[in-house]
Amino acid sequence: MKLTKRLFLALAASTTIATLPMAAFAEDWQPKRPIDFTIMAGAGGGADQIARFIQSVVEENSLTNRPLIPTNRGGGSGAESLLHLKDARDPDHTLMVTLNSFYTTPIRQEALGVDIETFTPIVMMGVDPFVLWVHKDSGITTFEDFVAKVRDMDGEFVMGGTGTGQEDSIVIAYMSGAYDLKVKYIPYDGGGAVAKDLAGQQIMATVNNPAEAKGFYESGDFVPLLSFSDERMDAYPDVPTLKEMGHDFSYYNQRAVVGAPGMSAEAAAYYREIFGSVYDSEKWQGYLVSESLSPMVMDEAETRAYWATQVQNHRTLLSELNN
């Protein structure tokens, strides 16, 4: 199963924020209280960094008459966030910053009773690739070195991630299957904690988003070995992709803002205008480049089609992960 940027972008045919014509409609509604800005992950990870960057742009430009209140609710691989929105008492003031656990957690935890099709699309802010990282003191400098080391340790090589069935574990499972690798996998609450423990050499390797590892990479502590993107990344031009190794696989993490089920059309239009302005801002466009995110613009119908595609893709990937 391929989850490629090409597949993502095929669903994103529009070239402008499609909700801007709704501005007049949105003028009829304004938030009446602080806005719950739930983050579907723990502190320090990619979703957390993005949510707080978005908040800073909104505040700096006074885009809302009420503040965004970021709150990390990453428990249960994002189940805490999903249930919080599902049962929101005030849908018009409840938003969430998502990653791919938006798809995987409802599949893996059917008892939650969460149907993401009931959520309200706001704005897709971009997609985030994954990179395989090791510590500079590991003695590993290439992907070939990594494969040899993991095989030599025969199941004792320790990797960290955000939990079985989460995005990084899907990538690790595919890579391990492709190269007949056995690793020990330690789950963490978020990507920030994973990166921190690699820096402290409590684990031996990670599959993290560039933003989560950027500071450690820039300080020289992390070495990137392989990217799971469609093409080599501008930030790491010497790092090969898994596709170059002969495996037709890439994987991206979505970075999106969604609203609670039952959000009114007026409130949704208001938020699409606000976050559309953030997306179009010079600061966000610079953030896309500096953090190695790929842009992706979709209207509501395209977003819902994208959700349906990703649910089906992740059902297949998780089924293969369990086999």
Protein backbone atom coordinates (compact mmCIF):
# COMPACT_ATOMS: atom_id res chain seq x y z
CA MET A 1 0.00 0.00 0.00
CA LYS A 2 1.42 3.37 -1.04
CA LEU A 3 0.74 6.56 0.87
CA THR A 4 2.48 9.04 -1.37
CA LYS A 5 2.50 12.79 -1.64
CA ARG A 6 1.30 12.30 -5.19
CA LEU A 7 -1.79 10.53 -3.88
CA PHE A 8 -2.32 13.29 -1.34
CA LEU A 9 -1.97 16.08 -3.85
CA ALA A 10 -4.23 14.38 -6.39
CA LEU A 11 -7.06 15.03 -3.98
CA ALA A 12 -6.03 18.66 -3.58
CA ALA A 13 -6.86 20.17 -6.95
CA SER A 14 -7.72 23.68 -5.75
CA THR A 15 -4.93 26.25 -5.64
CA THR A 16 -6.40 28.74 -3.18
CA ILE A 17 -8.05 28.48 0.20
CA ALA A 18 -11.45 27.40 -1.04
CA THR A 19 -13.32 28.86 1.90
CA LEU A 20 -12.45 32.49 1.24
CA PRO A 21 -15.72 33.12 -0.69
CA MET A 22 -17.47 32.27 2.59
CA ALA A 23 -16.10 35.41 4.25
CA ALA A 24 -19.37 37.30 4.09
CA PHE A 25 -21.17 34.30 5.56
CA ALA A 26 -18.60 34.07 8.35
CA GLU A 27 -19.09 37.72 9.29
CA ASP A 28 -22.43 36.78 10.85
CA TRP A 29 -20.72 34.71 13.56
CA GLN A 30 -18.01 35.50 16.11
CA PRO A 31 -16.66 33.41 19.01
CA LYS A 32 -18.29 34.31 22.31
CA ARG A 33 -15.68 32.70 24.57
CA PRO A 34 -12.08 31.34 24.43
CA ILE A 35 -11.58 28.70 21.74
CA ASP A 36 -10.61 25.18 22.82
CA PHE A 37 -7.59 24.32 20.63
CA THR A 38 -6.99 20.65 21.41
CA ILE A 39 -3.71 19.04 20.31
CA MET A 40 -3.97 15.35 19.44
CA ALA A 41 -0.52 14.52 20.85
CA GLY A 42 1.85 15.18 23.74
CA ALA A 43 4.04 18.20 24.35
CA GLY A 44 7.07 18.79 22.16
CA GLY A 45 6.05 16.71 19.15
CA GLY A 46 5.29 17.90 15.64
CA ALA A 47 1.57 18.48 16.22
CA ASP A 48 2.30 20.43 19.40
CA GLN A 49 4.90 22.61 17.68
CA ILE A 50 2.58 23.33 14.77
CA ALA A 51 -0.42 24.13 16.99
CA ARG A 52 1.55 26.61 19.04
CA PHE A 53 3.07 28.20 15.94
CA ILE A 54 -0.41 28.62 14.46
CA GLN A 55 -1.60 30.12 17.74
CA SER A 56 1.27 32.63 17.67
CA VAL A 57 0.38 33.75 14.13
CA VAL A 58 -3.29 34.14 15.07
CA GLU A 59 -2.41 36.19 18.17
CA GLU A 60 0.23 38.31 16.47
CA ASN A 61 -2.22 39.34 13.76
CA SER A 62 -5.30 39.60 16.06
CA LEU A 63 -7.21 37.25 13.76
CA THR A 64 -9.78 36.23 16.40
CA ASN A 65 -11.74 38.21 18.98
CA ARG A 66 -11.24 35.38 21.49
CA PRO A 67 -7.96 33.52 22.22
CA LEU A 68 -7.02 30.03 21.13
CA ILE A 69 -6.30 27.88 24.20
CA PRO A 70 -3.91 25.03 23.26
CA THR A 71 -4.31 21.88 25.36
CA ASN A 72 -2.39 18.63 24.84
CA ARG A 73 -4.71 15.63 24.93
CA GLY A 74 -2.57 12.81 23.55
CA GLY A 75 -3.68 9.99 25.85
CA GLY A 76 -4.55 6.66 24.26
CA SER A 77 -2.81 7.51 20.98
CA GLY A 78 -5.08 10.51 20.58
CA ALA A 79 -8.24 8.78 21.83
CA GLU A 80 -8.49 11.42 24.56
CA SER A 81 -8.70 14.17 21.93
CA LEU A 82 -11.12 12.31 19.71
CA LEU A 83 -13.53 11.70 22.57
CA HIS A 84 -13.14 15.27 23.78
CA LEU A 85 -14.31 16.58 20.42
CA LYS A 86 -16.92 13.88 19.90
CA ASP A 87 -18.57 14.83 23.20
CA ALA A 88 -17.92 18.57 22.98
CA ARG A 89 -20.54 20.58 24.84
CA ASP A 90 -19.83 23.61 22.68
CA PRO A 91 -18.89 22.45 19.16
CA ASP A 92 -18.65 26.01 17.84
CA HIS A 93 -15.73 26.71 20.18
CA THR A 94 -13.91 23.35 19.92
CA LEU A 95 -11.08 22.67 17.45
CA MET A 96 -8.33 20.05 17.15
CA VAL A 97 -4.90 19.88 15.51
CA THR A 98 -4.52 16.40 14.04
CA LEU A 99 -2.00 13.88 12.81
CA ASN A 100 -2.58 10.45 11.26
CA SER A 101 -3.84 8.98 14.53
CA PHE A 102 -7.00 10.78 13.45
CA TYR A 103 -7.39 7.72 11.19
CA THR A 104 -5.53 4.94 12.99
CA THR A 105 -6.91 5.32 16.52
CA PRO A 106 -10.60 4.92 15.61
CA ILE A 107 -9.66 1.86 13.53
CA ARG A 108 -7.61 0.28 16.31
CA GLN A 109 -10.02 1.25 19.09
CA GLU A 110 -13.46 0.64 17.65
CA ALA A 111 -15.03 0.68 21.13
CA LEU A 112 -14.47 4.46 21.18
CA GLY A 113 -17.43 4.82 18.84
CA VAL A 114 -15.65 7.62 16.94
CA ASP A 115 -16.62 8.26 13.33
CA ILE A 116 -14.30 10.86 11.86
CA GLU A 117 -16.77 11.56 9.05
CA THR A 118 -18.86 13.40 11.65
CA PHE A 119 -16.02 15.85 12.36
CA THR A 120 -15.89 19.24 10.64
CA PRO A 121 -13.14 19.94 8.08
CA ILE A 122 -11.49 23.32 8.62
CA VAL A 123 -8.07 23.63 6.92
CA MET A 124 -5.32 21.22 5.87
CA MET A 125 -2.07 22.96 6.79
CA GLY A 126 0.34 20.53 5.08
CA VAL A 127 1.84 17.05 5.22
CA ASP A 128 4.98 16.03 7.08
CA PRO A 129 7.42 13.29 5.95
CA PHE A 130 9.34 10.88 8.18
CA VAL A 131 13.09 10.35 8.51
CA LEU A 132 15.15 7.58 10.14
CA TRP A 133 17.56 9.05 12.72
CA VAL A 134 20.47 7.72 14.80
CA HIS A 135 22.78 9.40 17.30
CA LYS A 136 26.12 10.72 16.06
CA ASP A 137 27.96 8.49 18.53
CA SER A 138 26.31 5.29 17.25
CA GLY A 139 29.01 4.69 14.66
CA ILE A 140 26.24 4.38 12.05
CA THR A 141 26.57 6.80 9.13
CA THR A 142 24.56 5.14 6.34
CA PHE A 143 21.38 3.13 5.99
CA GLU A 144 23.48 0.13 5.03
CA ASP A 145 25.35 0.48 8.34
CA PHE A 146 22.01 0.62 10.12
CA VAL A 147 20.72 -2.57 8.50
CA ALA A 148 23.96 -4.41 9.30
CA LYS A 149 23.90 -3.25 12.93
CA VAL A 150 20.26 -4.20 13.51
CA ARG A 151 20.78 -7.64 11.99
CA ASP A 152 23.93 -8.17 14.04
CA MET A 153 22.07 -7.36 17.28
CA ASP A 154 19.34 -9.90 16.39
CA GLY A 155 16.37 -8.33 18.16
CA GLU A 156 18.27 -6.28 20.77
CA PHE A 157 18.40 -3.03 18.76
CA VAL A 158 16.13 -0.53 20.54
CA MET A 159 13.95 2.00 18.71
CA GLY A 160 11.50 4.46 20.21
CA GLY A 161 8.21 5.77 18.88
CA THR A 162 4.77 7.03 19.79
CA GLY A 163 3.13 3.61 20.10
CA THR A 164 2.09 0.52 18.18
CA GLY A 165 -0.25 1.45 15.37
CA GLN A 166 0.98 5.04 15.39
CA GLU A 167 2.54 6.65 12.35
CA ASP A 168 6.17 5.88 13.12
CA SER A 169 5.41 2.26 14.02
CA ILE A 170 3.75 1.77 10.62
CA VAL A 171 6.90 3.06 8.93
CA ILE A 172 9.20 0.97 11.15
CA ALA A 173 7.11 -2.14 10.51
CA TYR A 174 7.28 -1.66 6.75
CA MET A 175 11.04 -1.05 6.84
CA SER A 176 11.59 -4.04 9.14
CA GLY A 177 9.58 -6.29 6.87
CA ALA A 178 11.38 -5.09 3.76
CA TYR A 179 14.82 -5.74 5.25
CA ASP A 180 14.06 -8.63 7.63
CA LEU A 181 14.94 -6.59 10.72
CA LYS A 182 14.10 -7.36 14.34
CA VAL A 183 13.96 -4.44 16.77
CA LYS A 184 12.75 -3.72 20.27
CA TYR A 185 10.16 -0.94 20.19
CA ILE A 186 9.58 1.37 23.18
CA PRO A 187 6.40 3.53 23.13
CA TYR A 188 6.40 7.17 24.28
CA ASP A 189 3.70 9.80 24.79
CA GLY A 190 4.88 11.96 21.91
CA GLY A 191 7.51 12.63 19.28
CA GLY A 192 9.24 15.22 21.45
CA ALA A 193 9.96 12.65 24.15
CA VAL A 194 11.18 10.19 21.52
CA ALA A 195 13.67 12.70 20.13
CA LYS A 196 14.85 13.65 23.62
CA ASP A 197 15.63 10.05 24.52
CA LEU A 198 17.54 9.48 21.30
CA ALA A 199 19.59 12.56 22.16
CA GLY A 200 20.25 11.00 25.57
CA GLN A 201 21.03 7.65 23.91
CA GLN A 202 18.33 5.87 25.88
CA ILE A 203 17.24 4.42 22.53
CA MET A 204 19.27 3.67 19.39
CA ALA A 205 17.17 5.03 16.55
CA THR A 206 13.87 6.76 15.78
CA VAL A 207 11.58 7.52 12.89
CA ASN A 208 10.61 11.15 13.55
CA ASN A 209 9.32 14.09 11.57
CA PRO A 210 12.02 16.65 10.68
CA ALA A 211 10.53 19.30 12.99
CA GLU A 212 10.79 16.96 15.98
CA ALA A 213 14.48 16.23 15.33
CA LYS A 214 15.53 19.54 13.84
CA GLY A 215 17.21 21.06 16.89
CA PHE A 216 19.23 17.92 17.59
CA TYR A 217 20.18 17.65 13.91
CA GLU A 218 21.32 21.26 13.79
CA SER A 219 23.42 20.76 16.93
CA GLY A 220 25.09 17.77 15.27
CA ASP A 221 23.65 15.14 17.62
CA PHE A 222 21.40 13.38 15.07
CA VAL A 223 22.35 11.73 11.80
CA PRO A 224 19.58 11.25 9.17
CA LEU A 225 19.90 7.95 7.30
CA LEU A 226 16.78 7.51 5.20
CA SER A 227 13.68 9.49 4.28
CA PHE A 228 10.24 8.04 3.63
CA SER A 229 9.27 10.78 1.19
CA ASP A 230 8.58 10.51 -2.53
CA GLU A 231 11.73 12.44 -3.39
CA ARG A 232 14.89 13.51 -1.58
CA MET A 233 14.19 16.34 0.82
CA ASP A 234 15.74 19.76 0.24
CA ALA A 235 16.87 19.88 3.88
CA TYR A 236 18.73 16.56 3.54
CA PRO A 237 19.86 16.31 -0.09
CA ASP A 238 22.38 13.55 0.63
CA VAL A 239 19.85 11.32 2.40
CA PRO A 240 18.33 8.65 0.14
CA THR A 241 14.66 7.71 0.08
CA LEU A 242 13.29 4.24 0.66
CA LYS A 243 11.98 4.42 -2.90
CA GLU A 244 15.55 4.75 -4.15
CA MET A 245 16.25 1.48 -2.36
CA GLY A 246 13.70 -0.25 -4.56
CA HIS A 247 10.65 -0.16 -2.24
CA ASP A 248 7.61 1.70 -3.53
CA PHE A 249 6.61 3.19 -0.18
CA SER A 250 6.38 6.69 1.26
CA TYR A 251 4.47 8.03 4.23
CA TYR A 252 3.36 11.50 5.33
CA ASN A 253 1.74 12.82 8.50
CA GLN A 254 -1.19 15.17 8.03
CA ARG A 255 -1.15 18.53 9.80
CA ALA A 256 -4.71 19.82 9.86
CA VAL A 257 -7.24 21.74 11.93
CA VAL A 258 -10.65 20.09 12.32
CA GLY A 259 -13.77 21.10 14.20
CA ALA A 260 -16.01 19.15 16.52
CA PRO A 261 -19.01 17.21 15.19
CA GLY A 262 -22.07 19.43 15.13
CA MET A 263 -20.17 22.68 14.52
CA SER A 264 -22.46 25.20 12.85
CA ALA A 265 -21.85 26.20 9.24
CA GLU A 266 -21.32 29.81 10.37
CA ALA A 267 -18.62 28.86 12.87
CA ALA A 268 -16.91 26.54 10.37
CA ALA A 269 -16.84 29.34 7.79
CA TYR A 270 -15.35 31.70 10.36
CA TYR A 271 -12.55 29.29 11.28
CA ARG A 272 -11.79 28.44 7.66
CA GLU A 273 -11.28 32.11 6.98
CA ILE A 274 -9.05 32.52 10.06
CA PHE A 275 -6.84 29.50 9.40
CA GLY A 276 -6.89 30.17 5.67
CA SER A 277 -5.31 33.53 6.51
CA VAL A 278 -2.71 31.75 8.62
CA TYR A 279 -1.95 29.35 5.77
CA ASP A 280 -1.53 32.22 3.30
CA SER A 281 0.68 34.20 5.67
CA GLU A 282 4.37 34.72 4.98
CA LYS A 283 5.15 33.17 8.36
CA TRP A 284 3.33 29.91 7.65
CA GLN A 285 4.76 29.63 4.16
CA GLY A 286 8.21 30.11 5.70
CA TYR A 287 7.41 27.48 8.32
CA LEU A 288 6.52 24.98 5.60
CA VAL A 289 9.98 25.44 4.12
CA SER A 290 11.97 25.56 7.36
CA GLU A 291 10.28 22.48 8.83
CA SER A 292 10.25 20.47 5.57
CA LEU A 293 6.46 20.26 5.29
CA SER A 294 4.74 19.92 1.93
CA PRO A 295 1.83 22.28 1.17
CA MET A 296 -1.62 20.86 0.51
CA VAL A 297 -4.78 22.89 -0.04
CA MET A 298 -8.26 21.33 -0.13
CA ASP A 299 -11.82 22.52 0.21
CA GLU A 300 -14.38 20.75 2.40
CA ALA A 301 -15.49 18.19 -0.20
CA GLU A 302 -11.90 17.35 -1.13
CA THR A 303 -10.98 17.02 2.54
CA ARG A 304 -13.78 14.55 3.16
CA ALA A 305 -12.71 12.53 0.11
CA TYR A 306 -9.14 12.59 1.44
CA TRP A 307 -10.33 11.35 4.85
CA ALA A 308 -12.17 8.44 3.24
CA THR A 309 -9.09 7.50 1.22
CA GLN A 310 -6.82 7.64 4.26
CA VAL A 311 -9.17 5.53 6.38
CA GLN A 312 -9.09 2.81 3.72
CA ASN A 313 -5.31 3.10 3.29
CA HIS A 314 -4.71 2.85 7.03
CA ARG A 315 -7.06 -0.09 7.42
CA THR A 316 -4.88 -1.92 4.92
CA LEU A 317 -1.61 -0.80 6.53
CA LEU A 318 -2.73 -1.74 10.02
CA SER A 319 -3.97 -5.10 8.77
CA GLU A 320 -0.55 -5.75 7.26
CA LEU A 321 1.12 -4.56 10.46
CA ASN A 322 -0.78 -7.19 12.45
CA ASN A 323 -0.01 -10.04 10.07
